[in-house]
Every structure is written in structure tokens, then in C-alpha cells.
Amino acid sequence: MRIALDVFDPEPLKENSPLRDLPNAILTPHMVGHTVESQMRLPEAFCENLLAVAEWRVPEYVVNPSVIETWLRKQHSAQL
């Protein structure tokens, strides 16, 4: 059996953690998915989302989509 972990408590994983000695473990930093390209895209995505919100459009990247309906009702109330 093998395990792969990328989230640790605490972050970052301590150098003396016993997890580092497991022969069947693959350990990666939590930010392994953050590429140079994704980091370069962040300012543009931020501006696009900011403009969308200012124009009462649903932003492309919504972490908690359950709030969209309530937020759009506020738009309607603001226009009255």
C-alpha cells in the first residue's frame, strides 16, 4: 500500500516528521499545483472578477456558489 499526502498539520511539514521516513509515502508541498502560469494569471482573473461584481455579473471564479442567488437578489433590491 502507498500513500500520497500534500496537506500537513502544521504546514509546512517539519523536517523531523516521522512521515518523511515512510518508504511507501509520497509527500508533496501543498502548493504543488501552483504553476508559474497560474500565478501570472491571478491578477488578470482578479480584475475580471472585480469588474463582474461591479457590474452585478456572477464572477467566473466563485468559491461558495450557494451565495449567488442571495447576492443577485441584493442587485434587484439595489435597483429599486
PDB file of N, CA and C in Angstrom:
ATOM      1  N   MET A   1       0.845  -1.179   0.000  1.00  0.00           N
ATOM      2  CA  MET A   1       0.000   0.000   0.000  1.00  0.00           C
ATOM      3  C   MET A   1       0.891   1.244   0.000  1.00  0.00           C
ATOM      4  N   ARG A   2       0.440   2.251  -0.744  1.00  0.00           N
ATOM      5  CA  ARG A   2       1.149   3.533  -0.798  1.00  0.00           C
ATOM      6  C   ARG A   2       0.202   4.654  -0.385  1.00  0.00           C
ATOM      7  N   ILE A   3       0.794   5.732   0.075  1.00  0.00           N
ATOM      8  CA  ILE A   3       0.000   6.913   0.411  1.00  0.00           C
ATOM      9  C   ILE A   3       0.641   8.127  -0.257  1.00  0.00           C
ATOM     10  N   ALA A   4      -0.181   9.099  -0.563  1.00  0.00           N
ATOM     11  CA  ALA A   4       0.296  10.366  -1.100  1.00  0.00           C
ATOM     12  C   ALA A   4      -0.367  11.476  -0.293  1.00  0.00           C
ATOM     13  N   LEU A   5       0.423  12.382   0.235  1.00  0.00           N
ATOM     14  CA  LEU A   5      -0.078  13.464   1.090  1.00  0.00           C
ATOM     15  C   LEU A   5       0.451  14.801   0.591  1.00  0.00           C
ATOM     16  N   ASP A   6      -0.418  15.805   0.623  1.00  0.00           N
ATOM     17  CA  ASP A   6       0.048  17.149   0.290  1.00  0.00           C
ATOM     18  C   ASP A   6      -0.451  18.199   1.278  1.00  0.00           C
ATOM     19  N   VAL A   7      -1.131  17.767   2.333  1.00  0.00           N
ATOM     20  CA  VAL A   7      -1.599  18.688   3.367  1.00  0.00           C
ATOM     21  C   VAL A   7      -1.139  18.144   4.708  1.00  0.00           C
ATOM     22  N   PHE A   8      -0.532  19.012   5.490  1.00  0.00           N
ATOM     23  CA  PHE A   8       0.024  18.594   6.774  1.00  0.00           C
ATOM     24  C   PHE A   8      -0.375  19.577   7.864  1.00  0.00           C
ATOM     25  N   ASP A   9      -0.388  19.086   9.080  1.00  0.00           N
ATOM     26  CA  ASP A   9      -0.640  19.944  10.235  1.00  0.00           C
ATOM     27  C   ASP A   9       0.509  19.740  11.206  1.00  0.00           C
ATOM     28  N   PRO A  10       1.377  20.698  11.331  1.00  0.00           N
ATOM     29  CA  PRO A  10       1.348  22.042  10.739  1.00  0.00           C
ATOM     30  C   PRO A  10       1.951  22.057   9.343  1.00  0.00           C
ATOM     31  N   GLU A  11       1.685  23.125   8.628  1.00  0.00           N
ATOM     32  CA  GLU A  11       2.292  23.389   7.328  1.00  0.00           C
ATOM     33  C   GLU A  11       3.439  24.368   7.559  1.00  0.00           C
ATOM     34  N   PRO A  12       4.558  24.209   6.936  1.00  0.00           N
ATOM     35  CA  PRO A  12       4.986  23.047   6.177  1.00  0.00           C
ATOM     36  C   PRO A  12       5.332  21.885   7.118  1.00  0.00           C
ATOM     37  N   LEU A  13       5.417  20.704   6.538  1.00  0.00           N
ATOM     38  CA  LEU A  13       5.757  19.521   7.317  1.00  0.00           C
ATOM     39  C   LEU A  13       7.134  19.697   7.940  1.00  0.00           C
ATOM     40  N   LYS A  14       7.226  19.410   9.236  1.00  0.00           N
ATOM     41  CA  LYS A  14       8.509  19.575   9.938  1.00  0.00           C
ATOM     42  C   LYS A  14       9.559  18.622   9.372  1.00  0.00           C
ATOM     43  N   GLU A  15      10.785  19.064   9.377  1.00  0.00           N
ATOM     44  CA  GLU A  15      11.892  18.255   8.853  1.00  0.00           C
ATOM     45  C   GLU A  15      12.041  16.929   9.591  1.00  0.00           C
ATOM     46  N   ASN A  16      11.729  16.914  10.866  1.00  0.00           N
ATOM     47  CA  ASN A  16      11.902  15.689  11.659  1.00  0.00           C
ATOM     48  C   ASN A  16      10.623  14.859  11.771  1.00  0.00           C
ATOM     49  N   SER A  17       9.641  15.121  10.924  1.00  0.00           N
ATOM     50  CA  SER A  17       8.388  14.373  10.968  1.00  0.00           C
ATOM     51  C   SER A  17       8.623  12.907  10.612  1.00  0.00           C
ATOM     52  N   PRO A  18       8.014  11.993  11.351  1.00  0.00           N
ATOM     53  CA  PRO A  18       8.151  10.568  11.030  1.00  0.00           C
ATOM     54  C   PRO A  18       7.554  10.213   9.662  1.00  0.00           C
ATOM     55  N   LEU A  19       6.672  11.045   9.156  1.00  0.00           N
ATOM     56  CA  LEU A  19       6.117  10.791   7.822  1.00  0.00           C
ATOM     57  C   LEU A  19       7.214  10.767   6.752  1.00  0.00           C
ATOM     58  N   ARG A  20       8.247  11.554   6.967  1.00  0.00           N
ATOM     59  CA  ARG A  20       9.334  11.631   5.991  1.00  0.00           C
ATOM     60  C   ARG A  20      10.112  10.317   5.881  1.00  0.00           C
ATOM     61  N   ASP A  21       9.994   9.463   6.866  1.00  0.00           N
ATOM     62  CA  ASP A  21      10.725   8.193   6.862  1.00  0.00           C
ATOM     63  C   ASP A  21       9.905   7.023   6.322  1.00  0.00           C
ATOM     64  N   LEU A  22       8.657   7.248   5.981  1.00  0.00           N
ATOM     65  CA  LEU A  22       7.825   6.156   5.485  1.00  0.00           C
ATOM     66  C   LEU A  22       8.246   5.789   4.054  1.00  0.00           C
ATOM     67  N   PRO A  23       8.605   4.558   3.816  1.00  0.00           N
ATOM     68  CA  PRO A  23       9.068   4.164   2.482  1.00  0.00           C
ATOM     69  C   PRO A  23       7.949   4.131   1.442  1.00  0.00           C
ATOM     70  N   ASN A  24       6.706   4.057   1.871  1.00  0.00           N
ATOM     71  CA  ASN A  24       5.586   3.962   0.951  1.00  0.00           C
ATOM     72  C   ASN A  24       4.834   5.285   0.788  1.00  0.00           C
ATOM     73  N   ALA A  25       5.420   6.397   1.227  1.00  0.00           N
ATOM     74  CA  ALA A  25       4.730   7.684   1.206  1.00  0.00           C
ATOM     75  C   ALA A  25       5.324   8.614   0.160  1.00  0.00           C
ATOM     76  N   ILE A  26       4.428   9.286  -0.547  1.00  0.00           N
ATOM     77  CA  ILE A  26       4.816  10.370  -1.446  1.00  0.00           C
ATOM     78  C   ILE A  26       4.338  11.652  -0.780  1.00  0.00           C
ATOM     79  N   LEU A  27       5.250  12.541  -0.479  1.00  0.00           N
ATOM     80  CA  LEU A  27       4.928  13.788   0.213  1.00  0.00           C
ATOM     81  C   LEU A  27       5.230  14.957  -0.716  1.00  0.00           C
ATOM     82  N   THR A  28       4.247  15.808  -0.923  1.00  0.00           N
ATOM     83  CA  THR A  28       4.461  16.987  -1.765  1.00  0.00           C
ATOM     84  C   THR A  28       3.983  18.220  -1.019  1.00  0.00           C
ATOM     85  N   PRO A  29       4.558  19.378  -1.315  1.00  0.00           N
ATOM     86  CA  PRO A  29       4.074  20.603  -0.678  1.00  0.00           C
ATOM     87  C   PRO A  29       2.654  20.916  -1.137  1.00  0.00           C
ATOM     88  N   HIS A  30       1.910  21.541  -0.282  1.00  0.00           N
ATOM     89  CA  HIS A  30       0.508  21.844  -0.574  1.00  0.00           C
ATOM     90  C   HIS A  30       0.356  22.711  -1.820  1.00  0.00           C
ATOM     91  N   MET A  31       1.351  23.472  -2.169  1.00  0.00           N
ATOM     92  CA  MET A  31       1.284  24.372  -3.325  1.00  0.00           C
ATOM     93  C   MET A  31       1.785  23.716  -4.602  1.00  0.00           C
ATOM     94  N   VAL A  32       1.834  22.403  -4.666  1.00  0.00           N
ATOM     95  CA  VAL A  32       2.382  21.729  -5.834  1.00  0.00           C
ATOM     96  C   VAL A  32       1.618  22.098  -7.111  1.00  0.00           C
ATOM     97  N   GLY A  33       0.361  22.430  -7.004  1.00  0.00           N
ATOM     98  CA  GLY A  33      -0.437  22.755  -8.181  1.00  0.00           C
ATOM     99  C   GLY A  33      -0.314  24.188  -8.660  1.00  0.00           C
ATOM    100  N   HIS A  34       0.411  25.012  -7.948  1.00  0.00           N
ATOM    101  CA  HIS A  34       0.554  26.420  -8.308  1.00  0.00           C
ATOM    102  C   HIS A  34       1.701  26.567  -9.296  1.00  0.00           C
ATOM    103  N   THR A  35       1.357  26.714 -10.551  1.00  0.00           N
ATOM    104  CA  THR A  35       2.380  26.853 -11.588  1.00  0.00           C
ATOM    105  C   THR A  35       2.703  28.321 -11.810  1.00  0.00           C
ATOM    106  N   VAL A  36       3.776  28.564 -12.509  1.00  0.00           N
ATOM    107  CA  VAL A  36       4.135  29.938 -12.882  1.00  0.00           C
ATOM    108  C   VAL A  36       2.995  30.548 -13.695  1.00  0.00           C
ATOM    109  N   GLU A  37       2.433  29.750 -14.599  1.00  0.00           N
ATOM    110  CA  GLU A  37       1.344  30.250 -15.445  1.00  0.00           C
ATOM    111  C   GLU A  37       0.113  30.632 -14.619  1.00  0.00           C
ATOM    112  N   SER A  38      -0.224  29.805 -13.635  1.00  0.00           N
ATOM    113  CA  SER A  38      -1.401  30.136 -12.818  1.00  0.00           C
ATOM    114  C   SER A  38      -1.141  31.372 -11.969  1.00  0.00           C
ATOM    115  N   GLN A  39       0.055  31.527 -11.470  1.00  0.00           N
ATOM    116  CA  GLN A  39       0.395  32.719 -10.678  1.00  0.00           C
ATOM    117  C   GLN A  39       0.349  33.977 -11.535  1.00  0.00           C
ATOM    118  N   MET A  40       0.774  33.868 -12.782  1.00  0.00           N
ATOM    119  CA  MET A  40       0.747  35.028 -13.683  1.00  0.00           C
ATOM    120  C   MET A  40      -0.684  35.390 -14.069  1.00  0.00           C
ATOM    121  N   ARG A  41      -1.589  34.426 -14.058  1.00  0.00           N
ATOM    122  CA  ARG A  41      -2.981  34.656 -14.437  1.00  0.00           C
ATOM    123  C   ARG A  41      -3.801  35.277 -13.304  1.00  0.00           C
ATOM    124  N   LEU A  42      -3.334  35.155 -12.061  1.00  0.00           N
ATOM    125  CA  LEU A  42      -4.107  35.630 -10.911  1.00  0.00           C
ATOM    126  C   LEU A  42      -4.503  37.108 -10.983  1.00  0.00           C
ATOM    127  N   PRO A  43      -3.585  38.037 -11.300  1.00  0.00           N
ATOM    128  CA  PRO A  43      -4.008  39.447 -11.347  1.00  0.00           C
ATOM    129  C   PRO A  43      -5.101  39.699 -12.387  1.00  0.00           C
ATOM    130  N   GLU A  44      -4.988  39.056 -13.539  1.00  0.00           N
ATOM    131  CA  GLU A  44      -5.991  39.216 -14.587  1.00  0.00           C
ATOM    132  C   GLU A  44      -7.348  38.653 -14.134  1.00  0.00           C
ATOM    133  N   ALA A  45      -7.329  37.468 -13.529  1.00  0.00           N
ATOM    134  CA  ALA A  45      -8.565  36.863 -13.039  1.00  0.00           C
ATOM    135  C   ALA A  45      -9.191  37.728 -11.953  1.00  0.00           C
ATOM    136  N   PHE A  46      -8.360  38.282 -11.082  1.00  0.00           N
ATOM    137  CA  PHE A  46      -8.866  39.166 -10.026  1.00  0.00           C
ATOM    138  C   PHE A  46      -9.590  40.357 -10.639  1.00  0.00           C
ATOM    139  N   CYS A  47      -8.968  41.003 -11.615  1.00  0.00           N
ATOM    140  CA  CYS A  47      -9.584  42.178 -12.248  1.00  0.00           C
ATOM    141  C   CYS A  47     -10.876  41.811 -12.963  1.00  0.00           C
ATOM    142  N   GLU A  48     -10.879  40.676 -13.656  1.00  0.00           N
ATOM    143  CA  GLU A  48     -12.096  40.228 -14.338  1.00  0.00           C
ATOM    144  C   GLU A  48     -13.225  39.990 -13.342  1.00  0.00           C
ATOM    145  N   ASN A  49     -12.915  39.352 -12.231  1.00  0.00           N
ATOM    146  CA  ASN A  49     -13.939  39.096 -11.220  1.00  0.00           C
ATOM    147  C   ASN A  49     -14.407  40.382 -10.562  1.00  0.00           C
ATOM    148  N   LEU A  50     -13.499  41.294 -10.302  1.00  0.00           N
ATOM    149  CA  LEU A  50     -13.853  42.572  -9.695  1.00  0.00           C
ATOM    150  C   LEU A  50     -14.801  43.347 -10.605  1.00  0.00           C
ATOM    151  N   LEU A  51     -14.493  43.395 -11.888  1.00  0.00           N
ATOM    152  CA  LEU A  51     -15.375  44.078 -12.835  1.00  0.00           C
ATOM    153  C   LEU A  51     -16.736  43.389 -12.920  1.00  0.00           C
ATOM    154  N   ALA A  52     -16.743  42.081 -12.901  1.00  0.00           N
ATOM    155  CA  ALA A  52     -18.011  41.350 -12.955  1.00  0.00           C
ATOM    156  C   ALA A  52     -18.886  41.715 -11.759  1.00  0.00           C
ATOM    157  N   VAL A  53     -18.311  41.739 -10.582  1.00  0.00           N
ATOM    158  CA  VAL A  53     -19.079  42.068  -9.374  1.00  0.00           C
ATOM    159  C   VAL A  53     -19.577  43.508  -9.444  1.00  0.00           C
ATOM    160  N   ALA A  54     -18.733  44.420  -9.915  1.00  0.00           N
ATOM    161  CA  ALA A  54     -19.138  45.829 -10.020  1.00  0.00           C
ATOM    162  C   ALA A  54     -20.295  46.003 -11.000  1.00  0.00           C
ATOM    163  N   GLU A  55     -20.381  45.106 -11.966  1.00  0.00           N
ATOM    164  CA  GLU A  55     -21.449  45.168 -12.967  1.00  0.00           C
ATOM    165  C   GLU A  55     -22.592  44.201 -12.643  1.00  0.00           C
ATOM    166  N   TRP A  56     -22.613  43.666 -11.447  1.00  0.00           N
ATOM    167  CA  TRP A  56     -23.626  42.719 -10.983  1.00  0.00           C
ATOM    168  C   TRP A  56     -23.706  41.481 -11.874  1.00  0.00           C
ATOM    169  N   ARG A  57     -22.565  41.054 -12.390  1.00  0.00           N
ATOM    170  CA  ARG A  57     -22.488  39.787 -13.110  1.00  0.00           C
ATOM    171  C   ARG A  57     -21.841  38.770 -12.184  1.00  0.00           C
ATOM    172  N   VAL A  58     -22.249  37.532 -12.314  1.00  0.00           N
ATOM    173  CA  VAL A  58     -21.661  36.481 -11.486  1.00  0.00           C
ATOM    174  C   VAL A  58     -20.216  36.284 -11.935  1.00  0.00           C
ATOM    175  N   PRO A  59     -19.261  36.394 -11.018  1.00  0.00           N
ATOM    176  CA  PRO A  59     -17.857  36.209 -11.386  1.00  0.00           C
ATOM    177  C   PRO A  59     -17.585  34.770 -11.831  1.00  0.00           C
ATOM    178  N   GLU A  60     -16.554  34.617 -12.640  1.00  0.00           N
ATOM    179  CA  GLU A  60     -16.216  33.288 -13.144  1.00  0.00           C
ATOM    180  C   GLU A  60     -15.777  32.346 -12.036  1.00  0.00           C
ATOM    181  N   TYR A  61     -15.037  32.874 -11.075  1.00  0.00           N
ATOM    182  CA  TYR A  61     -14.487  32.030 -10.015  1.00  0.00           C
ATOM    183  C   TYR A  61     -15.190  32.354  -8.700  1.00  0.00           C
ATOM    184  N   VAL A  62     -16.127  31.489  -8.308  1.00  0.00           N
ATOM    185  CA  VAL A  62     -16.880  31.671  -7.070  1.00  0.00           C
ATOM    186  C   VAL A  62     -16.590  30.480  -6.169  1.00  0.00           C
ATOM    187  N   VAL A  63     -16.063  30.750  -4.986  1.00  0.00           N
ATOM    188  CA  VAL A  63     -15.712  29.682  -4.060  1.00  0.00           C
ATOM    189  C   VAL A  63     -16.959  29.083  -3.415  1.00  0.00           C
ATOM    190  N   ASN A  64     -17.928  29.924  -3.130  1.00  0.00           N
ATOM    191  CA  ASN A  64     -19.147  29.457  -2.449  1.00  0.00           C
ATOM    192  C   ASN A  64     -20.375  29.805  -3.296  1.00  0.00           C
ATOM    193  N   PRO A  65     -20.647  29.019  -4.337  1.00  0.00           N
ATOM    194  CA  PRO A  65     -21.750  29.341  -5.248  1.00  0.00           C
ATOM    195  C   PRO A  65     -23.120  29.372  -4.583  1.00  0.00           C
ATOM    196  N   SER A  66     -23.237  28.845  -3.389  1.00  0.00           N
ATOM    197  CA  SER A  66     -24.536  28.874  -2.705  1.00  0.00           C
ATOM    198  C   SER A  66     -24.994  30.296  -2.376  1.00  0.00           C
ATOM    199  N   VAL A  67     -24.114  31.283  -2.410  1.00  0.00           N
ATOM    200  CA  VAL A  67     -24.493  32.662  -2.096  1.00  0.00           C
ATOM    201  C   VAL A  67     -24.936  33.455  -3.319  1.00  0.00           C
ATOM    202  N   ILE A  68     -24.788  32.884  -4.506  1.00  0.00           N
ATOM    203  CA  ILE A  68     -25.073  33.635  -5.729  1.00  0.00           C
ATOM    204  C   ILE A  68     -26.524  34.111  -5.775  1.00  0.00           C
ATOM    205  N   GLU A  69     -27.453  33.226  -5.464  1.00  0.00           N
ATOM    206  CA  GLU A  69     -28.870  33.600  -5.533  1.00  0.00           C
ATOM    207  C   GLU A  69     -29.189  34.770  -4.602  1.00  0.00           C
ATOM    208  N   THR A  70     -28.691  34.729  -3.376  1.00  0.00           N
ATOM    209  CA  THR A  70     -28.916  35.821  -2.418  1.00  0.00           C
ATOM    210  C   THR A  70     -28.261  37.108  -2.910  1.00  0.00           C
ATOM    211  N   TRP A  71     -27.063  37.002  -3.445  1.00  0.00           N
ATOM    212  CA  TRP A  71     -26.343  38.170  -3.951  1.00  0.00           C
ATOM    213  C   TRP A  71     -27.111  38.814  -5.108  1.00  0.00           C
ATOM    214  N   LEU A  72     -27.641  37.999  -6.009  1.00  0.00           N
ATOM    215  CA  LEU A  72     -28.397  38.543  -7.132  1.00  0.00           C
ATOM    216  C   LEU A  72     -29.687  39.209  -6.668  1.00  0.00           C
ATOM    217  N   ARG A  73     -30.299  38.715  -5.592  1.00  0.00           N
ATOM    218  CA  ARG A  73     -31.486  39.386  -5.036  1.00  0.00           C
ATOM    219  C   ARG A  73     -31.118  40.774  -4.518  1.00  0.00           C
ATOM    220  N   LYS A  74     -29.912  40.910  -3.960  1.00  0.00           N
ATOM    221  CA  LYS A  74     -29.464  42.222  -3.492  1.00  0.00           C
ATOM    222  C   LYS A  74     -29.352  43.185  -4.664  1.00  0.00           C
ATOM    223  N   GLN A  75     -28.923  42.685  -5.820  1.00  0.00           N
ATOM    224  CA  GLN A  75     -28.843  43.514  -7.016  1.00  0.00           C
ATOM    225  C   GLN A  75     -30.232  44.066  -7.347  1.00  0.00           C
ATOM    226  N   HIS A  76     -31.218  43.193  -7.308  1.00  0.00           N
ATOM    227  CA  HIS A  76     -32.578  43.616  -7.606  1.00  0.00           C
ATOM    228  C   HIS A  76     -33.035  44.675  -6.606  1.00  0.00           C
ATOM    229  N   SER A  77     -32.750  44.469  -5.337  1.00  0.00           N
ATOM    230  CA  SER A  77     -33.134  45.436  -4.300  1.00  0.00           C
ATOM    231  C   SER A  77     -32.425  46.777  -4.491  1.00  0.00           C
ATOM    232  N   ALA A  78     -31.178  46.734  -4.917  1.00  0.00           N
ATOM    233  CA  ALA A  78     -30.399  47.954  -5.105  1.00  0.00           C
ATOM    234  C   ALA A  78     -30.931  48.780  -6.264  1.00  0.00           C
ATOM    235  N   GLN A  79     -31.560  48.116  -7.224  1.00  0.00           N
ATOM    236  CA  GLN A  79     -32.071  48.833  -8.395  1.00  0.00           C
ATOM    237  C   GLN A  79     -33.439  49.453  -8.159  1.00  0.00           C
ATOM    238  N   LEU A  80     -34.101  49.076  -7.069  1.00  0.00           N
ATOM    239  CA  LEU A  80     -35.453  49.635  -6.781  1.00  0.00           C
ATOM    240  C   LEU A  80     -35.387  51.033  -6.258  1.00  0.00           C
TER     241      LEU A  80
END
